[in-house]
């Protein structure tokens, strides 16, 4: 494997399921960095924005009303996604020594790339206007992006649960 990709893909002996979420040193760094608090604040805020946005999207799809508010909410949700992804990468660098794809969060980060791609596609469609996708198609694309977000959020919640179980043991 090339030297540039060696740090991205986990080696066979680095299987995320084979190691604890945090080594004792990583747990100390996690608890000491302010980025843990930043993530702890941004995650529920992003989820709240998601819920409001989802409601606006579903309202538009059901009634045909409120496209502007629904579209603006998708932009806001995407802003929070980018913010949590950038600060999360900083957190990962502080805790694990790399910006992305640390063995403990490898698959969560991989799936996050799909989440980011779909949210970015929403922005591209929104800025391109109806020449690229019609209003209804834009909202359906947003629903697809939101579906991946829910799966990714569940991945992170399961990892948090695993880390708490390990800390208690």
Protein backbone atom coordinates (compact mmCIF):
# COMPACT_ATOMS: atom_id res chain seq x y z
CA UNK A 1 0.00 0.00 0.00
CA UNK A 2 1.35 3.44 -0.82
CA UNK A 3 2.78 5.48 2.02
CA UNK A 4 0.15 8.21 1.54
CA UNK A 5 -2.75 5.76 1.97
CA UNK A 6 -1.22 3.71 4.77
CA UNK A 7 -2.52 6.10 7.41
CA UNK A 8 -6.06 6.13 6.01
CA UNK A 9 -6.93 2.45 5.84
CA UNK A 10 -6.68 0.41 9.03
CA UNK A 11 -4.34 -2.53 8.95
CA UNK A 12 -5.69 -6.02 9.67
CA UNK A 13 -4.38 -5.83 13.23
CA UNK A 14 -6.21 -2.50 13.76
CA UNK A 15 -9.75 -3.84 13.43
CA UNK A 16 -12.04 -1.32 15.15
CA UNK A 17 -13.99 -4.12 16.85
CA UNK A 18 -10.81 -5.65 18.29
CA UNK A 19 -9.74 -2.62 20.27
CA UNK A 20 -11.37 -0.58 22.97
CA UNK A 21 -12.88 2.70 21.80
CA UNK A 22 -10.22 4.55 23.78
CA UNK A 23 -6.89 3.48 25.17
CA UNK A 24 -6.18 4.95 28.62
CA UNK A 25 -4.04 7.66 26.98
CA UNK A 26 -6.74 8.49 24.43
CA UNK A 27 -9.37 8.69 27.18
CA UNK A 28 -7.20 11.20 29.06
CA UNK A 29 -6.77 13.31 25.90
CA UNK A 30 -10.51 13.04 25.17
CA UNK A 31 -11.41 14.23 28.65
CA UNK A 32 -8.82 17.03 28.61
CA UNK A 33 -9.70 18.66 25.28
CA UNK A 34 -12.33 21.37 24.89
CA UNK A 35 -13.27 19.77 21.57
CA UNK A 36 -15.12 17.05 23.46
CA UNK A 37 -17.43 19.68 24.92
CA UNK A 38 -17.79 21.33 21.51
CA UNK A 39 -18.93 18.00 20.04
CA UNK A 40 -21.22 17.42 22.99
CA UNK A 41 -22.94 20.77 22.36
CA UNK A 42 -23.02 20.67 18.56
CA UNK A 43 -24.45 17.17 18.24
CA UNK A 44 -27.78 17.89 19.97
CA UNK A 45 -28.04 21.32 18.32
CA UNK A 46 -27.56 19.71 14.92
CA UNK A 47 -30.17 17.09 15.80
CA UNK A 48 -32.66 19.79 16.79
CA UNK A 49 -32.03 21.63 13.50
CA UNK A 50 -32.50 18.30 11.71
CA UNK A 51 -35.88 17.69 13.40
CA UNK A 52 -37.19 21.17 12.54
CA UNK A 53 -35.88 20.88 8.99
CA UNK A 54 -37.39 17.42 8.57
CA UNK A 55 -40.75 18.80 9.65
CA UNK A 56 -40.48 21.65 7.14
CA UNK A 57 -39.51 19.27 4.34
CA UNK A 58 -42.37 16.89 5.10
CA UNK A 59 -44.79 19.83 5.26
CA UNK A 60 -43.61 21.01 1.84
CA UNK A 61 -43.88 17.53 0.35
CA UNK A 62 -47.38 17.05 1.81
CA UNK A 63 -48.82 20.49 1.00
CA UNK A 64 -46.58 22.12 -1.60
CA UNK A 65 -46.22 25.08 0.75
CA UNK A 66 -43.13 26.46 2.45
CA UNK A 67 -40.43 25.53 -0.04
CA UNK A 68 -38.29 28.55 0.89
CA UNK A 69 -38.31 27.71 4.60
CA UNK A 70 -37.66 24.04 3.92
CA UNK A 71 -34.77 24.83 1.57
CA UNK A 72 -33.28 27.34 4.00
CA UNK A 73 -33.51 24.75 6.78
CA UNK A 74 -31.57 22.26 4.65
CA UNK A 75 -28.84 24.87 4.15
CA UNK A 76 -28.76 25.50 7.92
CA UNK A 77 -28.66 21.77 8.67
CA UNK A 78 -25.79 21.37 6.20
CA UNK A 79 -23.92 24.26 7.84
CA UNK A 80 -24.18 22.47 11.20
CA UNK A 81 -23.07 19.22 9.59
CA UNK A 82 -19.96 20.89 8.16
CA UNK A 83 -19.27 22.56 11.51
CA UNK A 84 -19.53 19.32 13.46
CA UNK A 85 -17.44 17.49 10.87
CA UNK A 86 -14.61 20.04 10.99
CA UNK A 87 -14.60 20.26 14.78
CA UNK A 88 -14.93 16.48 14.97
CA UNK A 89 -11.85 16.07 12.78
CA UNK A 90 -9.95 18.40 15.11
CA UNK A 91 -11.20 16.37 18.09
CA UNK A 92 -10.08 13.15 16.39
CA UNK A 93 -6.63 14.65 15.75
CA UNK A 94 -6.25 15.66 19.40
CA UNK A 95 -7.50 12.33 20.77
CA UNK A 96 -6.19 9.84 18.20
CA UNK A 97 -3.43 11.71 16.36
CA UNK A 98 -5.15 11.83 12.97
CA UNK A 99 -7.87 14.00 11.52
CA UNK A 100 -10.03 11.19 10.16
CA UNK A 101 -10.27 7.43 10.00
CA UNK A 102 -8.82 6.65 13.42
CA UNK A 103 -9.31 2.93 13.97
CA UNK A 104 -11.94 3.46 16.70
CA UNK A 105 -14.11 5.62 14.43
CA UNK A 106 -13.09 4.30 11.03
CA UNK A 107 -16.51 3.12 9.79
CA UNK A 108 -18.31 6.10 11.29
CA UNK A 109 -15.93 8.39 9.38
CA UNK A 110 -16.35 6.39 6.16
CA UNK A 111 -20.12 6.70 6.36
CA UNK A 112 -19.77 10.38 7.30
CA UNK A 113 -18.23 10.93 3.86
CA UNK A 114 -21.48 9.73 2.26
CA UNK A 115 -23.48 11.98 4.59
CA UNK A 116 -21.34 14.97 3.60
CA UNK A 117 -21.57 14.10 -0.10
CA UNK A 118 -25.37 13.95 -0.03
CA UNK A 119 -25.71 17.16 2.00
CA UNK A 120 -23.30 18.88 -0.39
CA UNK A 121 -25.39 17.64 -3.31
CA UNK A 122 -28.37 19.34 -1.64
CA UNK A 123 -26.46 22.63 -1.59
CA UNK A 124 -25.40 22.25 -5.21
CA UNK A 125 -28.99 21.54 -6.23
CA UNK A 126 -30.27 24.49 -4.19
CA UNK A 127 -27.75 26.95 -5.62
CA UNK A 128 -28.23 25.63 -9.16
CA UNK A 129 -31.95 26.11 -8.87
CA UNK A 130 -34.61 24.17 -10.70
CA UNK A 131 -32.40 23.89 -13.78
CA UNK A 132 -30.65 20.97 -12.03
CA UNK A 133 -33.43 19.51 -9.86
CA UNK A 134 -37.01 20.55 -9.36
CA UNK A 135 -38.17 21.70 -5.94
CA UNK A 136 -39.76 18.36 -5.05
CA UNK A 137 -36.66 16.44 -6.18
CA UNK A 138 -34.50 18.73 -4.05
CA UNK A 139 -36.59 17.88 -1.01
CA UNK A 140 -36.42 14.17 -1.79
CA UNK A 141 -32.64 14.47 -2.08
CA UNK A 142 -32.64 16.19 1.31
CA UNK A 143 -34.61 13.27 2.75
CA UNK A 144 -32.00 10.86 1.37
CA UNK A 145 -29.25 12.97 2.95
CA UNK A 146 -31.16 13.03 6.22
CA UNK A 147 -31.58 9.27 6.15
CA UNK A 148 -27.82 8.82 5.95
CA UNK A 149 -27.42 11.39 8.75
CA UNK A 150 -29.73 9.33 11.01
CA UNK A 151 -27.74 6.16 10.30
CA UNK A 152 -24.47 7.97 10.99
CA UNK A 153 -25.81 9.51 14.20
CA UNK A 154 -26.86 6.02 15.31
CA UNK A 155 -23.32 4.74 14.58
CA UNK A 156 -21.86 7.43 16.83
CA UNK A 157 -24.42 6.82 19.59
CA UNK A 158 -23.63 3.11 19.55
CA UNK A 159 -19.93 3.93 19.78
CA UNK A 160 -20.60 6.27 22.71
CA UNK A 161 -22.56 3.50 24.41
CA UNK A 162 -19.69 1.06 23.84
CA UNK A 163 -17.21 3.56 25.30
CA UNK A 164 -19.38 4.05 28.39
CA UNK A 165 -19.68 0.29 28.90
CA UNK A 166 -15.91 -0.05 28.60
CA UNK A 167 -15.32 2.78 31.08
CA UNK A 168 -17.68 1.16 33.58
CA UNK A 169 -15.96 -2.24 33.25
